[in-house]
Amino acid sequence: MTDLQTAFYIIGIIFFVLWIFFGLMLIAFFVRVRTSIERFQQNVKDRVNDVFEMIGIVVPKYIIRRIKEWSREIRGEE
């Protein structure tokens, strides 16, 4: 092989190795992004569930209190 062929051969090997490296890095990046999105979605679901639990605890107490007040008003009690 001539010096030019050897140079192209070495450059080809370097580009092939870099191509594999960047491909693996790209795959790792997308896997990380996907897990981050899944974690974010789970956090949002947990927060929404917490809010609905709080509403589920607070709202019935408020409704019960209002019913008691209305029943007192209906009976004429103060």
Protein backbone atom coordinates (compact mmCIF):
# COMPACT_ATOMS: atom_id res chain seq x y z
CA MET A 1 0.00 0.00 0.00
CA THR A 2 1.11 3.48 -0.69
CA ASP A 3 1.32 6.17 1.94
CA LEU A 4 -1.91 7.73 0.66
CA GLN A 5 -3.83 4.45 0.96
CA THR A 6 -2.47 3.93 4.47
CA ALA A 7 -3.53 7.45 5.46
CA PHE A 8 -7.07 6.90 4.12
CA TYR A 9 -7.22 3.51 5.85
CA ILE A 10 -6.27 5.05 9.20
CA ILE A 11 -8.67 7.98 8.71
CA GLY A 12 -11.43 5.48 7.85
CA ILE A 13 -10.78 3.50 11.04
CA ILE A 14 -10.81 6.70 13.11
CA PHE A 15 -14.11 7.85 11.57
CA PHE A 16 -15.63 4.38 12.08
CA VAL A 17 -14.66 4.37 15.76
CA LEU A 18 -15.98 7.92 16.21
CA TRP A 19 -19.21 6.98 14.42
CA ILE A 20 -19.75 4.04 16.80
CA PHE A 21 -18.87 6.21 19.81
CA PHE A 22 -21.29 8.99 18.86
CA GLY A 23 -23.98 6.46 18.02
CA LEU A 24 -23.68 4.92 21.47
CA MET A 25 -23.67 8.37 23.06
CA LEU A 26 -26.82 9.27 21.13
CA ILE A 27 -28.54 6.08 22.29
CA ALA A 28 -27.50 6.79 25.89
CA PHE A 29 -28.80 10.35 25.57
CA PHE A 30 -32.23 9.22 24.33
CA VAL A 31 -32.46 6.56 27.04
CA ARG A 32 -31.68 9.20 29.65
CA VAL A 33 -34.21 11.62 28.18
CA ARG A 34 -36.86 8.91 28.16
CA THR A 35 -36.23 7.98 31.78
CA SER A 36 -36.26 11.67 32.73
CA ILE A 37 -39.61 12.10 30.99
CA GLU A 38 -41.00 9.01 32.72
CA ARG A 39 -39.75 10.27 36.09
CA PHE A 40 -41.31 13.70 35.39
CA GLN A 41 -44.63 12.08 34.44
CA GLN A 42 -44.59 9.99 37.63
CA ASN A 43 -43.85 13.10 39.71
CA VAL A 44 -46.76 14.92 38.07
CA LYS A 45 -49.06 11.95 38.70
CA ASP A 46 -47.96 11.83 42.35
CA ARG A 47 -48.55 15.57 42.80
CA VAL A 48 -51.98 15.36 41.15
CA ASN A 49 -52.88 12.40 43.36
CA ASP A 50 -51.73 14.36 46.42
CA VAL A 51 -53.88 17.32 45.41
CA PHE A 52 -56.92 15.11 44.86
CA GLU A 53 -56.32 13.41 48.20
CA MET A 54 -56.21 16.81 49.89
CA ILE A 55 -59.37 17.83 48.04
CA GLY A 56 -60.95 14.51 49.00
CA ILE A 57 -60.18 15.20 52.66
CA VAL A 58 -60.98 18.93 52.74
CA VAL A 59 -64.08 19.06 50.53
CA PRO A 60 -66.14 16.40 52.38
CA LYS A 61 -65.36 18.12 55.71
CA TYR A 62 -66.50 21.43 54.25
CA ILE A 63 -69.65 19.83 52.83
CA ILE A 64 -70.45 18.14 56.16
CA ARG A 65 -69.91 21.44 57.99
CA ARG A 66 -72.17 23.27 55.54
CA ILE A 67 -74.89 20.59 55.86
CA LYS A 68 -74.77 20.93 59.64
CA GLU A 69 -75.06 24.71 59.31
CA TRP A 70 -77.97 24.40 56.88
CA SER A 71 -79.74 21.91 59.12
CA ARG A 72 -79.34 24.32 62.06
CA GLU A 73 -80.72 27.15 59.91
CA ILE A 74 -83.66 25.00 58.84
CA ARG A 75 -84.41 24.01 62.44
CA GLY A 76 -84.01 27.62 63.51
CA GLU A 77 -81.12 27.00 65.87
CA GLU A 78 -78.31 29.50 66.30
